[in-house]
N, C-alpha and C. Protein backbone atom coordinates (compact mmCIF):
# COMPACT_ATOMS: atom_id res chain seq x y z
N UNK A 1 -1.11 -16.09 8.67
CA UNK A 1 -1.19 -17.53 8.84
C UNK A 1 -2.17 -18.16 7.86
N UNK A 2 -3.26 -17.43 7.53
CA UNK A 2 -4.23 -17.97 6.59
C UNK A 2 -3.64 -18.11 5.19
N UNK A 3 -2.76 -17.18 4.82
CA UNK A 3 -2.13 -17.25 3.51
C UNK A 3 -1.26 -18.50 3.41
N UNK A 4 -0.50 -18.79 4.45
CA UNK A 4 0.35 -19.98 4.47
C UNK A 4 -0.49 -21.25 4.40
N UNK A 5 -1.60 -21.28 5.09
CA UNK A 5 -2.48 -22.45 5.04
C UNK A 5 -3.05 -22.64 3.64
N UNK A 6 -3.37 -21.54 2.97
CA UNK A 6 -3.92 -21.62 1.62
C UNK A 6 -2.85 -22.13 0.64
N UNK A 7 -1.62 -21.67 0.82
CA UNK A 7 -0.52 -22.15 -0.03
C UNK A 7 -0.29 -23.63 0.20
N UNK A 8 -0.28 -24.06 1.44
CA UNK A 8 -0.09 -25.48 1.74
C UNK A 8 -1.22 -26.33 1.15
N UNK A 9 -2.44 -25.81 1.18
CA UNK A 9 -3.57 -26.53 0.63
C UNK A 9 -3.44 -26.68 -0.89
N UNK A 10 -2.90 -25.67 -1.54
CA UNK A 10 -2.69 -25.73 -2.98
C UNK A 10 -1.54 -26.66 -3.36
N UNK A 11 -0.58 -26.82 -2.49
CA UNK A 11 0.62 -27.60 -2.81
C UNK A 11 0.39 -29.11 -2.70
N UNK A 12 -0.60 -29.56 -1.95
CA UNK A 12 -0.80 -30.99 -1.73
C UNK A 12 -0.99 -31.79 -3.02
N UNK A 13 -1.81 -31.35 -3.95
CA UNK A 13 -1.93 -32.16 -5.19
C UNK A 13 -0.60 -32.31 -5.93
N UNK A 14 0.20 -31.27 -5.94
CA UNK A 14 1.50 -31.34 -6.62
C UNK A 14 2.45 -32.27 -5.88
N UNK A 15 2.37 -32.28 -4.58
CA UNK A 15 3.22 -33.19 -3.81
C UNK A 15 2.84 -34.65 -4.05
N UNK A 16 1.56 -34.91 -4.24
CA UNK A 16 1.13 -36.28 -4.51
C UNK A 16 1.53 -36.74 -5.90
N UNK A 17 1.56 -35.85 -6.86
CA UNK A 17 1.91 -36.22 -8.24
C UNK A 17 3.43 -36.20 -8.46
N UNK A 18 4.18 -35.59 -7.57
CA UNK A 18 5.62 -35.45 -7.72
C UNK A 18 6.36 -36.79 -7.87
N UNK A 19 6.06 -37.83 -7.10
CA UNK A 19 6.78 -39.10 -7.31
C UNK A 19 6.58 -39.67 -8.71
N UNK A 20 5.36 -39.53 -9.26
CA UNK A 20 5.12 -40.02 -10.62
C UNK A 20 5.93 -39.23 -11.62
N UNK A 21 6.00 -37.92 -11.46
CA UNK A 21 6.75 -37.08 -12.39
C UNK A 21 8.24 -37.43 -12.34
N UNK A 22 8.77 -37.62 -11.15
CA UNK A 22 10.18 -37.99 -11.01
C UNK A 22 10.44 -39.35 -11.66
N UNK A 23 9.56 -40.32 -11.40
CA UNK A 23 9.71 -41.63 -12.02
C UNK A 23 9.63 -41.58 -13.53
N UNK A 24 8.72 -40.77 -14.06
CA UNK A 24 8.59 -40.62 -15.51
C UNK A 24 9.86 -40.03 -16.10
N UNK A 25 10.41 -39.01 -15.46
CA UNK A 25 11.62 -38.38 -15.98
C UNK A 25 12.81 -39.33 -15.93
N UNK A 26 12.93 -40.08 -14.86
CA UNK A 26 14.10 -40.95 -14.69
C UNK A 26 14.00 -42.21 -15.54
N UNK A 27 12.83 -42.84 -15.57
CA UNK A 27 12.71 -44.15 -16.20
C UNK A 27 12.16 -44.13 -17.63
N UNK A 28 11.58 -43.03 -18.07
CA UNK A 28 11.01 -43.00 -19.42
C UNK A 28 11.65 -41.92 -20.27
N UNK A 29 11.54 -40.70 -19.85
CA UNK A 29 12.03 -39.59 -20.67
C UNK A 29 13.56 -39.58 -20.75
N UNK A 30 14.23 -39.88 -19.65
CA UNK A 30 15.70 -39.90 -19.65
C UNK A 30 16.28 -40.89 -20.64
N UNK A 31 15.88 -42.17 -20.58
CA UNK A 31 16.40 -43.13 -21.56
C UNK A 31 16.00 -42.81 -23.00
N UNK A 32 14.82 -42.24 -23.19
CA UNK A 32 14.39 -41.87 -24.54
C UNK A 32 15.30 -40.81 -25.13
N UNK A 33 15.59 -39.78 -24.36
CA UNK A 33 16.47 -38.71 -24.83
C UNK A 33 17.89 -39.24 -25.02
N UNK A 34 18.37 -40.04 -24.09
CA UNK A 34 19.72 -40.59 -24.19
C UNK A 34 19.88 -41.48 -25.42
N UNK A 35 18.89 -42.31 -25.71
CA UNK A 35 19.00 -43.16 -26.89
C UNK A 35 18.95 -42.35 -28.17
N UNK A 36 18.19 -41.26 -28.18
CA UNK A 36 18.16 -40.39 -29.35
C UNK A 36 19.53 -39.74 -29.57
N UNK A 37 20.15 -39.25 -28.50
CA UNK A 37 21.48 -38.64 -28.60
C UNK A 37 22.51 -39.68 -29.02
N UNK A 38 22.43 -40.87 -28.45
CA UNK A 38 23.39 -41.93 -28.79
C UNK A 38 23.27 -42.38 -30.23
N UNK A 39 22.11 -42.19 -30.85
CA UNK A 39 21.94 -42.64 -32.23
C UNK A 39 22.75 -41.82 -33.22
N UNK A 40 23.28 -40.70 -32.80
CA UNK A 40 24.11 -39.88 -33.67
C UNK A 40 25.59 -40.22 -33.56
N UNK A 41 25.94 -41.22 -32.76
CA UNK A 41 27.33 -41.61 -32.55
C UNK A 41 27.56 -43.03 -33.02
N UNK A 42 28.81 -43.34 -33.36
CA UNK A 42 29.24 -44.69 -33.67
C UNK A 42 29.86 -45.25 -32.40
N UNK A 43 29.14 -46.13 -31.72
CA UNK A 43 29.57 -46.64 -30.43
C UNK A 43 30.25 -48.00 -30.60
N UNK A 44 31.45 -48.11 -30.06
CA UNK A 44 32.17 -49.38 -30.02
C UNK A 44 32.32 -49.78 -28.56
N UNK A 45 32.30 -51.06 -28.30
CA UNK A 45 32.39 -51.52 -26.91
C UNK A 45 33.73 -51.13 -26.29
N UNK A 46 34.81 -51.26 -27.05
CA UNK A 46 36.13 -51.00 -26.49
C UNK A 46 36.65 -49.60 -26.80
N UNK A 47 36.15 -48.97 -27.83
CA UNK A 47 36.67 -47.66 -28.23
C UNK A 47 35.82 -46.52 -27.70
N UNK A 48 36.22 -45.35 -28.09
CA UNK A 48 35.46 -44.16 -27.71
C UNK A 48 34.41 -43.87 -28.78
N UNK A 49 33.31 -43.27 -28.39
CA UNK A 49 32.28 -42.96 -29.39
C UNK A 49 32.73 -41.87 -30.36
N UNK A 50 32.35 -42.04 -31.62
CA UNK A 50 32.69 -41.06 -32.65
C UNK A 50 31.40 -40.48 -33.20
N UNK A 51 31.35 -39.17 -33.32
CA UNK A 51 30.15 -38.51 -33.82
C UNK A 51 29.98 -38.78 -35.31
N UNK A 52 28.80 -39.24 -35.71
CA UNK A 52 28.51 -39.51 -37.12
C UNK A 52 27.40 -38.63 -37.65
N UNK A 53 26.70 -37.95 -36.79
CA UNK A 53 25.60 -37.12 -37.25
C UNK A 53 24.48 -37.96 -37.81
N UNK A 54 23.99 -37.57 -38.97
CA UNK A 54 22.91 -38.32 -39.62
C UNK A 54 23.41 -39.53 -40.39
N UNK A 55 24.70 -39.80 -40.34
CA UNK A 55 25.28 -40.92 -41.08
C UNK A 55 24.65 -42.26 -40.72
N UNK A 56 24.35 -42.47 -39.45
CA UNK A 56 23.71 -43.72 -39.05
C UNK A 56 22.34 -43.87 -39.69
N UNK A 57 21.58 -42.80 -39.73
CA UNK A 57 20.24 -42.85 -40.32
C UNK A 57 20.30 -43.01 -41.83
N UNK A 58 21.23 -42.31 -42.46
CA UNK A 58 21.39 -42.44 -43.92
C UNK A 58 21.77 -43.87 -44.28
N UNK A 59 22.71 -44.43 -43.53
CA UNK A 59 23.12 -45.81 -43.79
C UNK A 59 21.97 -46.79 -43.54
N UNK A 60 21.21 -46.55 -42.51
CA UNK A 60 20.11 -47.45 -42.18
C UNK A 60 19.06 -47.46 -43.29
N UNK A 61 18.70 -46.29 -43.80
CA UNK A 61 17.63 -46.23 -44.80
C UNK A 61 18.10 -46.56 -46.22
N UNK A 62 19.40 -46.45 -46.49
CA UNK A 62 19.87 -46.71 -47.85
C UNK A 62 20.42 -48.11 -48.05
N UNK A 63 20.96 -48.75 -47.02
CA UNK A 63 21.59 -50.05 -47.22
C UNK A 63 20.78 -51.22 -46.68
N UNK A 64 19.85 -50.98 -45.77
CA UNK A 64 19.11 -52.08 -45.16
C UNK A 64 17.68 -52.12 -45.70
N UNK A 65 17.37 -53.16 -46.46
CA UNK A 65 16.03 -53.30 -47.04
C UNK A 65 14.97 -53.64 -45.98
N UNK A 66 15.39 -54.28 -44.91
CA UNK A 66 14.44 -54.69 -43.88
C UNK A 66 13.83 -53.50 -43.14
N UNK A 67 14.55 -52.40 -43.07
CA UNK A 67 14.04 -51.22 -42.36
C UNK A 67 12.79 -50.69 -43.05
N UNK A 68 12.87 -50.49 -44.35
CA UNK A 68 11.73 -49.97 -45.09
C UNK A 68 10.56 -50.96 -45.09
N UNK A 69 10.87 -52.24 -45.19
CA UNK A 69 9.81 -53.25 -45.15
C UNK A 69 9.14 -53.26 -43.78
N UNK A 70 9.92 -53.19 -42.72
CA UNK A 70 9.36 -53.17 -41.37
C UNK A 70 8.52 -51.93 -41.12
N UNK A 71 9.00 -50.79 -41.60
CA UNK A 71 8.22 -49.56 -41.45
C UNK A 71 6.91 -49.62 -42.21
N UNK A 72 6.93 -50.18 -43.40
CA UNK A 72 5.69 -50.27 -44.18
C UNK A 72 4.68 -51.20 -43.52
N UNK A 73 5.16 -52.24 -42.87
CA UNK A 73 4.25 -53.17 -42.19
C UNK A 73 3.69 -52.54 -40.91
N UNK A 74 4.53 -51.87 -40.15
CA UNK A 74 4.09 -51.34 -38.86
C UNK A 74 3.30 -50.05 -38.97
N UNK A 75 3.48 -49.32 -40.05
CA UNK A 75 2.71 -48.08 -40.21
C UNK A 75 1.49 -48.37 -41.03
């Protein structure tokens, strides 16, 4: 019985932090990963997504002058 009480005593801090971890995974890390994965596709509202790979990034850095200007200002 003492072993079980010791285990329960150790578990309380993790149980208190668990709601924060779940919220972080659902509301922060999940959308971050999903947006990174979506950036490799060509998404149309009516059509199906088509995989472009690094094509979106290559197009962004080679054809849009504002991207490099914005990066230079923010960094």
